[in-house]
Protein backbone atom coordinates (compact mmCIF):
# COMPACT_ATOMS: atom_id res chain seq x y z
CA MET A 1 -0.29 0.11 0.15
CA LYS A 2 3.01 2.28 0.99
CA LYS A 3 4.21 1.90 -2.35
CA ILE A 4 1.38 2.19 -4.20
CA LEU A 5 0.53 5.98 -2.03
CA LEU A 6 3.97 7.16 -3.21
CA VAL A 7 3.38 6.15 -6.80
CA ILE A 8 0.88 8.92 -7.03
CA SER A 9 2.04 10.93 -5.48
CA MET A 10 5.40 11.15 -7.07
CA MET A 11 2.61 11.58 -9.55
CA LEU A 12 0.81 14.80 -7.86
CA PRO A 13 3.42 17.29 -8.65
CA MET A 14 3.67 16.38 -12.39
CA LEU A 15 -0.38 16.38 -12.19
CA VAL A 16 -0.59 20.22 -10.57
CA MET A 17 2.23 21.02 -13.41
CA ALA A 18 0.47 20.04 -15.97
CA GLN A 19 -3.20 22.04 -14.46
CA GLY A 20 -1.10 25.16 -14.06
CA HIS A 21 -0.60 25.26 -17.85
CA LYS A 22 -3.92 24.74 -18.45
CA GLY A 23 -4.74 28.08 -17.21
CA GLU A 24 -7.81 28.44 -16.56
CA ALA A 25 -9.75 26.49 -13.25
CA ASP A 26 -13.65 25.40 -13.39
CA GLU A 27 -13.79 26.31 -9.56
CA CYS A 28 -11.04 28.63 -8.82
CA ALA A 29 -12.70 30.24 -5.45
CA PRO A 30 -13.80 28.64 -3.62
CA MET A 31 -16.04 30.06 -0.56
CA LYS A 32 -16.07 29.28 3.04
CA ASN A 33 -18.47 31.65 5.43
CA GLY A 34 -18.32 34.82 3.22
CA LYS A 35 -14.76 34.05 2.80
CA VAL A 36 -12.37 32.23 -0.17
CA CYS A 37 -11.12 29.63 1.65
CA TYR A 38 -9.33 26.91 -0.75
CA SER A 39 -8.68 23.79 1.92
CA ASP A 40 -8.62 19.80 1.92
CA GLU A 41 -8.31 16.80 4.36
CA VAL A 42 -5.29 14.42 3.09
CA GLU A 43 -4.50 11.16 4.60
CA ILE A 44 -1.10 9.51 4.63
CA GLU A 45 -1.51 6.50 6.46
CA HIS A 46 0.55 4.48 8.89
CA THR A 47 1.52 8.10 9.92
CA SER A 48 1.66 9.58 13.16
CA LYS A 49 0.09 13.16 14.61
CA PRO A 50 4.26 13.45 15.68
CA GLU A 51 5.60 12.05 12.75
CA LEU A 52 3.21 14.79 10.54
CA PHE A 53 3.55 17.69 12.96
CA ASN A 54 7.36 17.30 12.48
CA ALA A 55 7.50 17.03 9.26
CA ILE A 56 5.16 19.71 8.01
CA SER A 57 6.64 21.97 10.50
CA ALA A 58 10.19 21.45 9.26
CA TRP A 59 9.10 22.49 6.03
CA ALA A 60 7.33 24.75 6.67
CA LYS A 61 10.57 26.70 8.91
CA LYS A 62 12.62 25.69 5.92
CA SER A 63 10.60 27.51 3.29
CA TYR A 64 9.17 30.76 5.09
CA GLY A 65 11.23 31.12 8.18
CA LYS A 66 14.33 33.13 6.80
CA ASP A 67 12.92 36.55 6.32
CA ILE A 68 10.36 37.69 8.87
CA PHE A 69 9.25 40.75 6.77
CA LEU A 70 7.90 38.93 4.29
CA SER A 71 6.65 35.75 6.24
CA ASN A 72 5.83 34.45 9.65
CA VAL A 73 5.55 30.54 11.29
CA ASN A 74 4.06 29.65 14.41
CA SER A 75 3.44 25.76 15.26
CA ASN A 76 1.91 24.21 18.20
CA LYS A 77 3.13 20.93 18.89
CA SER A 78 0.67 19.63 21.16
CA LYS A 79 -2.34 21.42 19.24
CA GLY A 80 -0.56 20.06 15.79
CA THR A 81 -0.68 23.05 14.43
CA ILE A 82 1.04 24.80 11.86
CA PHE A 83 0.07 28.81 11.06
CA VAL A 84 1.96 30.59 7.94
CA SER A 85 1.35 34.26 7.09
CA SER A 86 3.39 34.94 3.87
CA LYS A 87 3.07 37.34 0.97
CA VAL A 88 5.01 36.39 -2.31
CA GLU A 89 4.95 37.82 -6.18
CA LEU A 90 2.10 36.42 -8.26
CA LEU A 91 2.25 36.21 -12.06
CA LEU A 92 -0.95 36.19 -13.40
CA ASN A 93 0.09 36.20 -17.10
CA ASP A 94 3.36 36.36 -19.42
CA THR A 95 3.28 40.74 -18.38
CA ASP A 96 1.10 40.97 -15.02
CA LYS A 97 2.22 40.40 -11.40
CA THR A 98 0.59 41.31 -8.22
CA ILE A 99 1.45 40.56 -4.75
CA VAL A 100 -0.64 38.04 -3.01
CA LYS A 101 -0.73 38.24 0.63
CA TYR A 102 -2.38 34.91 2.42
CA LYS A 103 -2.63 32.68 5.68
CA MET A 104 -1.81 28.69 5.63
CA ARG A 105 -3.11 26.68 8.33
CA VAL A 106 -2.48 22.72 8.51
CA THR A 107 -3.55 20.84 11.62
CA CYS A 108 -2.40 17.00 12.18
CA PHE A 109 -4.05 14.54 13.35
CA ASP A 110 -2.96 10.39 13.52
CA ASN A 111 -2.94 9.10 9.81
CA ARG A 112 -4.08 12.85 8.07
CA TYR A 113 -3.66 16.40 8.09
CA THR A 114 -6.22 19.25 7.57
CA ILE A 115 -4.97 22.40 5.23
CA GLU A 116 -6.68 25.76 4.46
CA ALA A 117 -5.45 28.93 2.65
CA SER A 118 -7.56 32.31 3.69
CA ASP A 119 -7.36 35.38 3.89
CA ILE A 120 -6.20 36.29 1.11
CA VAL A 121 -5.71 39.64 -0.36
CA TYR A 122 -4.06 41.25 -3.30
CA GLN A 123 -1.18 43.91 -3.71
CA TYR A 124 -1.81 45.31 -6.90
CA ASP A 125 -0.03 48.08 -9.10
CA PRO A 126 -1.07 47.90 -13.15
CA LEU A 127 1.16 50.57 -13.64
CA ASN A 128 4.13 50.00 -11.65
CA ASP A 129 4.88 53.06 -10.72
CA LYS A 130 4.84 52.04 -6.84
CA LYS A 131 1.25 52.42 -5.66
CA TYR A 132 0.53 49.32 -4.39
CA LYS A 133 -3.53 48.99 -3.46
CA THR A 134 -4.52 46.33 -1.29
CA TYR A 135 -7.73 44.25 -2.43
CA LYS A 136 -9.51 41.44 -0.50
CA ALA A 137 -9.75 38.22 -2.58
CA GLU A 138 -13.71 38.54 -1.64
CA ASP A 139 -13.90 41.93 -4.08
CA VAL A 140 -11.76 40.45 -6.71
CA ILE A 141 -12.40 37.08 -7.37
CA ALA A 142 -15.87 35.34 -5.22
CA ASN A 143 -17.81 33.34 -8.16
CA ASN A 144 -14.52 32.80 -10.21
CA GLY A 145 -14.10 36.28 -10.91
CA ALA A 146 -17.66 37.63 -11.47
CA SER A 147 -18.65 39.43 -8.69
CA ASN A 148 -15.44 41.19 -9.07
CA THR A 149 -15.93 44.85 -7.47
CA VAL A 150 -12.89 46.76 -8.19
CA ALA A 151 -12.81 48.30 -11.50
CA LEU A 152 -9.06 48.81 -11.61
CA ILE A 153 -9.06 44.75 -12.15
CA LYS A 154 -10.09 43.84 -15.69
CA ASP A 155 -9.47 40.13 -15.85
CA PRO A 156 -10.38 39.29 -12.44
CA GLY A 157 -10.15 35.47 -13.76
CA LEU A 158 -7.04 35.99 -14.24
CA PHE A 159 -6.52 36.43 -10.30
CA CYS A 160 -8.76 33.67 -9.84
CA ASN A 161 -6.82 31.19 -11.87
CA ALA A 162 -3.27 32.65 -10.88
CA THR A 163 -4.65 31.86 -7.21
CA PHE A 164 -5.91 28.30 -7.30
CA PHE A 165 -3.14 27.01 -9.26
CA PHE A 166 -0.90 28.61 -6.64
CA VAL A 167 -2.74 27.14 -3.93
CA GLU A 168 -2.39 24.23 -5.41
CA ASN A 169 1.45 24.16 -6.03
CA LEU A 170 1.39 25.16 -1.76
CA PHE A 171 -0.62 22.10 -0.97
CA ALA A 172 0.90 19.74 -3.54
CA ASP A 173 4.59 21.14 -1.57
CA VAL A 174 2.77 20.07 2.04
CA PHE A 175 2.06 17.24 0.67
CA ASP A 176 5.53 16.30 -0.16
CA ALA A 177 6.22 17.16 3.42
CA ALA A 178 3.98 15.01 4.87
CA ARG A 179 4.76 11.43 2.31
CA GLU A 180 8.29 12.16 3.58
CA ALA A 181 6.67 11.23 7.01
CA ALA A 182 5.05 8.53 5.60
CA SER A 183 8.10 7.33 3.91
CA GLU A 184 10.34 7.33 7.48
């Protein structure tokens, strides 16, 4: 069974990368309690809560613990939770980009973990004159961009799809870290 999971998990990053090249997702802005919230529950068989916590926490500290001005990592071993808040540059297409700020929460259990990415905001400056304005994801990508209330953003679908694929890759990175705990 571990070998089957290992093969499937090795193929997952390739599938995620392939999806990113499609450019569009059918449902790119899932909502929870009126907020854009990406979430998943992932089973990792034969892996204890401490093993998952240690592996994911180590990945988070390595990936996000380097620059306190860009990201922050907090964890609680007894609760099995890891919190990450970060901001990164997000490419929307070949020429446009934005800065996306988000929070990610991972909760570890025996044989599984849950993950959420929420509190997403964009810092956008389409004229590149260093006058970034901040927009909540709900104002831009809710209803797959159809509910965009920001006049400056002409193509909310770009934000929606770029955010969706960014989060998918982020979740795949967490899965890879958890998978390492399972293989030990």
